[in-house]
Amino acid sequence: MTLASLAAAALLSACAPATRNPEDPLEPVNRAVHGFNLAADRFVLRPAAVVTGPVLRSPVGTAISNFSDNLGTPQAVANHLLQARFADATHSAWRFAVNSTIGLAGLFDPATAMGLEERDTDFGATLNAWGAGEGPFVMLPIRGPSNARDAVGEVVDLLTDPLDNVLSDGQQEVATGAFVLSKVGDRARYFETVDSILYGSADSYAQTRLMYQQNRRFELGQEAGDDAFIDPYEDADSN
């Protein structure tokens, strides 16, 4: 889940009470990982966002983010195909072609102006399309909130990136650097919102879990009761 998605989901759950989720059997471990992630944010990511924020919120930061997003488009094309969403696969392939050429390797995004907006997806969404349930909530080190299905999806996406066999070692290092900088840029761009979630919530873990689940289910076009989880906040007043 990106910081942009986390910030957007915050608007949906600002008034939701934080309570323990009975469908979070890994909660003790997850809370420990969340504590590690908070420390990493406090001492590494947040200071980096403060120092580099003015640059990463500028057109330079936008170009870095565009470049990183463009490199992820072939993976989206592959997953659209696996989901039998052939129109989306074609759309994303054209977007990649336009931004990789006219957009100077993706530094610019002329494709959006041409009506080829981003249609992102991943292998977790592919597993969902194949009927896999989300499974228990999982807090991943550094990567943040996820669930069992999406965690498997992240590993598969990492191991099957179509560009791995195309880019040289040096180019892959540049791609990794751009990805890291884009995440720091997201932290800078949504600085106050993320701070309010991580440091202003009575229970930042429960709040992060709720927002992730709401946002991810919305991304996948699910209603509240479509998956195996029972909404733990439905009966929050009785807990």
Protein backbone atom coordinates (compact mmCIF):
# COMPACT_ATOMS: atom_id res chain seq x y z
CA MET A 1 0.00 0.00 0.00
CA THR A 2 1.38 3.40 -1.00
CA LEU A 3 1.47 6.39 1.32
CA ALA A 4 -0.90 8.09 -1.12
CA SER A 5 -3.43 5.29 -0.63
CA LEU A 6 -2.94 5.45 3.14
CA ALA A 7 -3.61 9.19 3.08
CA ALA A 8 -6.73 8.75 0.96
CA ALA A 9 -8.02 5.97 3.19
CA ALA A 10 -7.56 8.20 6.22
CA LEU A 11 -10.44 10.31 4.99
CA LEU A 12 -12.71 7.26 5.08
CA SER A 13 -11.84 6.21 8.60
CA ALA A 14 -11.14 9.42 10.49
CA CYS A 15 -14.16 8.87 12.71
CA ALA A 16 -13.81 5.11 13.12
CA PRO A 17 -13.01 3.80 16.61
CA ALA A 18 -9.81 1.80 17.08
CA THR A 19 -10.39 -1.62 18.56
CA ARG A 20 -8.83 -5.04 18.45
CA ASN A 21 -9.66 -7.04 15.35
CA PRO A 22 -10.81 -10.58 16.16
CA GLU A 23 -9.72 -11.62 12.66
CA ASP A 24 -6.11 -10.58 13.32
CA PRO A 25 -4.63 -13.74 14.86
CA LEU A 26 -1.08 -12.48 14.28
CA GLU A 27 -1.70 -9.24 16.16
CA PRO A 28 1.08 -9.63 18.77
CA VAL A 29 3.67 -10.22 16.05
CA ASN A 30 2.12 -7.59 13.79
CA ARG A 31 2.28 -5.00 16.57
CA ALA A 32 5.95 -5.76 17.11
CA VAL A 33 6.64 -5.29 13.40
CA HIS A 34 4.58 -2.10 13.45
CA GLY A 35 6.77 -0.84 16.29
CA PHE A 36 9.85 -1.54 14.18
CA ASN A 37 8.29 0.29 11.23
CA LEU A 38 7.48 3.27 13.45
CA ALA A 39 11.10 3.42 14.59
CA ALA A 40 12.29 3.19 10.97
CA ASP A 41 9.96 6.02 10.04
CA ARG A 42 10.89 8.19 13.02
CA PHE A 43 14.65 7.85 12.63
CA VAL A 44 15.10 7.28 8.88
CA LEU A 45 12.17 7.91 6.54
CA ARG A 46 10.67 10.94 8.27
CA PRO A 47 13.99 12.82 8.62
CA ALA A 48 14.79 11.97 4.99
CA ALA A 49 11.42 13.40 3.95
CA VAL A 50 12.11 16.58 5.93
CA VAL A 51 15.55 17.08 4.34
CA THR A 52 14.63 16.16 0.77
CA GLY A 53 11.00 17.29 0.85
CA PRO A 54 11.46 20.59 -1.04
CA VAL A 55 13.20 18.76 -3.90
CA LEU A 56 10.94 15.70 -3.97
CA ARG A 57 7.80 17.86 -3.94
CA SER A 58 9.15 19.78 -6.94
CA PRO A 59 9.01 18.79 -10.64
CA VAL A 60 12.23 16.85 -10.03
CA GLY A 61 10.43 14.63 -7.52
CA THR A 62 7.50 14.24 -9.90
CA ALA A 63 9.86 13.08 -12.63
CA ILE A 64 11.45 10.51 -10.31
CA SER A 65 8.03 9.23 -9.29
CA ASN A 66 6.91 9.07 -12.94
CA PHE A 67 10.05 7.13 -13.86
CA SER A 68 9.54 4.62 -11.05
CA ASP A 69 5.85 4.17 -11.85
CA ASN A 70 6.63 3.63 -15.53
CA LEU A 71 9.03 0.80 -14.69
CA GLY A 72 6.20 -0.94 -12.86
CA THR A 73 3.82 -0.79 -15.82
CA PRO A 74 4.99 -4.04 -17.54
CA GLN A 75 4.21 -5.88 -14.29
CA ALA A 76 0.71 -4.37 -14.38
CA VAL A 77 0.29 -5.49 -18.00
CA ALA A 78 1.22 -9.05 -17.05
CA ASN A 79 -1.26 -9.08 -14.17
CA HIS A 80 -4.05 -7.61 -16.29
CA LEU A 81 -3.50 -10.49 -18.71
CA LEU A 82 -3.58 -13.04 -15.88
CA GLN A 83 -6.87 -11.48 -14.74
CA ALA A 84 -8.24 -11.74 -18.31
CA ARG A 85 -8.60 -7.96 -18.39
CA PHE A 86 -7.33 -7.66 -21.93
CA ALA A 87 -8.55 -4.12 -22.56
CA ASP A 88 -6.70 -2.92 -19.46
CA ALA A 89 -3.58 -4.84 -20.54
CA THR A 90 -3.65 -3.18 -23.95
CA HIS A 91 -4.30 0.24 -22.39
CA SER A 92 -1.36 -0.16 -19.99
CA ALA A 93 0.94 -1.45 -22.74
CA TRP A 94 0.21 1.64 -24.84
CA ARG A 95 0.77 3.83 -21.78
CA PHE A 96 4.18 2.23 -21.23
CA ALA A 97 5.11 2.67 -24.90
CA VAL A 98 4.11 6.36 -24.93
CA ASN A 99 5.80 7.29 -21.65
CA SER A 100 8.94 5.28 -22.45
CA THR A 101 9.41 7.13 -25.75
CA ILE A 102 7.72 10.53 -25.85
CA GLY A 103 7.96 10.73 -22.08
CA LEU A 104 11.73 10.19 -22.11
CA ALA A 105 11.95 6.82 -20.33
CA GLY A 106 8.99 7.73 -18.15
CA LEU A 107 10.35 10.94 -16.63
CA PHE A 108 7.28 12.68 -18.04
CA ASP A 109 3.71 11.43 -18.32
CA PRO A 110 2.25 12.49 -21.68
CA ALA A 111 0.18 9.29 -21.74
CA THR A 112 -2.25 10.62 -19.13
CA ALA A 113 -2.87 13.75 -21.21
CA MET A 114 -3.61 11.43 -24.15
CA GLY A 115 -6.26 9.55 -22.16
CA LEU A 116 -3.99 6.67 -21.17
CA GLU A 117 -4.28 7.08 -17.41
CA GLU A 118 -2.60 4.65 -15.03
CA ARG A 119 -4.49 1.42 -14.37
CA ASP A 120 -2.35 -0.19 -11.71
CA THR A 121 -2.74 -3.74 -10.47
CA ASP A 122 -0.63 -6.48 -8.88
CA PHE A 123 -0.47 -10.21 -8.31
CA GLY A 124 -2.44 -9.88 -5.08
CA ALA A 125 -5.31 -8.53 -7.20
CA THR A 126 -4.72 -11.42 -9.61
CA LEU A 127 -5.07 -13.92 -6.77
CA ASN A 128 -8.26 -12.14 -5.72
CA ALA A 129 -9.60 -12.45 -9.29
CA TRP A 130 -8.83 -16.16 -9.13
CA GLY A 131 -10.96 -16.46 -5.98
CA ALA A 132 -8.32 -16.38 -3.23
CA GLY A 133 -9.44 -14.89 0.08
CA GLU A 134 -7.35 -12.19 1.69
CA GLY A 135 -6.43 -14.26 4.73
CA PRO A 136 -5.20 -12.77 8.01
CA PHE A 137 -3.86 -9.25 8.27
CA VAL A 138 -0.05 -9.07 8.09
CA MET A 139 2.26 -6.19 8.97
CA LEU A 140 5.40 -6.45 6.84
CA PRO A 141 8.74 -4.93 7.84
CA ILE A 142 9.26 -1.60 6.06
CA ARG A 143 6.56 -2.39 3.46
CA GLY A 144 3.81 -1.90 6.03
CA PRO A 145 0.22 -3.26 6.15
CA SER A 146 -0.80 -6.18 3.97
CA ASN A 147 -2.58 -9.52 4.23
CA ALA A 148 -1.55 -13.10 3.55
CA ARG A 149 -2.75 -13.05 -0.06
CA ASP A 150 -1.20 -9.71 -0.92
CA ALA A 151 2.08 -10.58 0.83
CA VAL A 152 2.37 -13.65 -1.42
CA GLY A 153 1.48 -11.40 -4.34
CA GLU A 154 4.31 -8.99 -3.49
CA VAL A 155 6.83 -11.84 -3.49
CA VAL A 156 5.57 -13.14 -6.84
CA ASP A 157 5.67 -9.64 -8.35
CA LEU A 158 9.22 -9.18 -7.08
CA LEU A 159 10.41 -12.50 -8.54
CA THR A 160 8.62 -12.19 -11.89
CA ASP A 161 9.24 -8.57 -12.91
CA PRO A 162 9.34 -8.64 -16.73
CA LEU A 163 12.10 -6.01 -16.79
CA ASP A 164 14.50 -8.15 -14.73
CA ASN A 165 15.72 -9.91 -17.88
CA VAL A 166 15.94 -6.67 -19.86
CA LEU A 167 17.70 -4.19 -17.59
CA SER A 168 21.41 -4.42 -16.88
CA ASP A 169 22.70 -4.53 -13.32
CA GLY A 170 23.44 -0.81 -13.44
CA GLN A 171 19.98 -0.01 -14.76
CA GLN A 172 18.39 -2.11 -12.04
CA GLU A 173 20.33 -0.14 -9.44
CA VAL A 174 18.97 3.08 -10.93
CA ALA A 175 15.45 1.61 -10.87
CA THR A 176 15.83 0.64 -7.22
CA GLY A 177 17.13 4.09 -6.34
CA ALA A 178 14.20 5.73 -8.12
CA PHE A 179 11.76 3.49 -6.25
CA VAL A 180 13.28 4.41 -2.88
CA LEU A 181 13.27 8.12 -3.72
CA SER A 182 9.67 7.94 -4.89
CA LYS A 183 8.66 6.46 -1.51
CA VAL A 184 10.54 9.19 0.33
CA GLY A 185 8.73 11.65 -1.94
CA ASP A 186 5.38 10.13 -0.97
CA ARG A 187 6.31 10.54 2.70
CA ALA A 188 7.17 14.19 2.08
CA ARG A 189 4.06 14.84 0.01
CA TYR A 190 1.67 13.43 2.61
CA PHE A 191 3.80 14.45 5.58
CA GLU A 192 1.10 15.86 7.88
CA THR A 193 -1.46 13.16 7.09
CA VAL A 194 0.97 10.31 7.73
CA ASP A 195 2.21 12.00 10.90
CA SER A 196 -1.35 12.26 12.20
CA ILE A 197 -1.91 8.55 11.55
CA LEU A 198 1.37 7.28 12.97
CA TYR A 199 1.88 9.70 15.85
CA GLY A 200 -1.49 11.33 16.45
CA SER A 201 -3.71 8.23 16.71
CA ALA A 202 -4.59 6.66 20.04
CA ASP A 203 -3.69 3.29 18.46
CA SER A 204 -1.74 3.79 15.24
CA TYR A 205 -1.56 0.04 14.61
CA ALA A 206 -5.34 -0.49 14.70
CA GLN A 207 -5.90 2.66 12.66
CA THR A 208 -3.39 1.60 10.01
CA ARG A 209 -4.93 -1.89 9.84
CA LEU A 210 -8.43 -0.49 9.39
CA MET A 211 -7.42 1.98 6.71
CA TYR A 212 -5.46 -0.64 4.78
CA GLN A 213 -8.35 -3.11 4.80
CA GLN A 214 -10.89 -0.48 3.75
CA ASN A 215 -8.72 0.92 0.99
CA ARG A 216 -7.61 -2.45 -0.38
CA ARG A 217 -11.15 -3.80 -0.52
CA PHE A 218 -12.25 -0.61 -2.26
CA GLU A 219 -9.41 -0.99 -4.80
CA LEU A 220 -10.60 -4.53 -5.56
CA GLY A 221 -14.23 -3.45 -5.89
CA GLN A 222 -15.36 -5.39 -2.83
CA GLU A 223 -18.17 -4.58 -0.48
CA ALA A 224 -17.55 -4.78 3.26
CA GLY A 225 -18.72 -8.37 3.60
CA ASP A 226 -17.36 -9.82 0.38
CA ASP A 227 -14.38 -11.58 1.90
CA ALA A 228 -13.60 -13.87 4.79
CA PHE A 229 -13.05 -11.05 7.28
CA ILE A 230 -15.87 -9.89 9.50
CA ASP A 231 -15.66 -6.12 9.96
CA PRO A 232 -14.30 -5.81 13.52
CA TYR A 233 -15.55 -2.24 13.82
CA GLU A 234 -19.21 -3.08 13.17
CA ASP A 235 -19.71 -4.00 16.81
CA ALA A 236 -16.99 -1.74 18.18
CA ASP A 237 -19.28 -0.16 20.76
CA SER A 238 -19.83 -3.52 22.42
CA ASN A 239 -16.09 -4.24 22.85
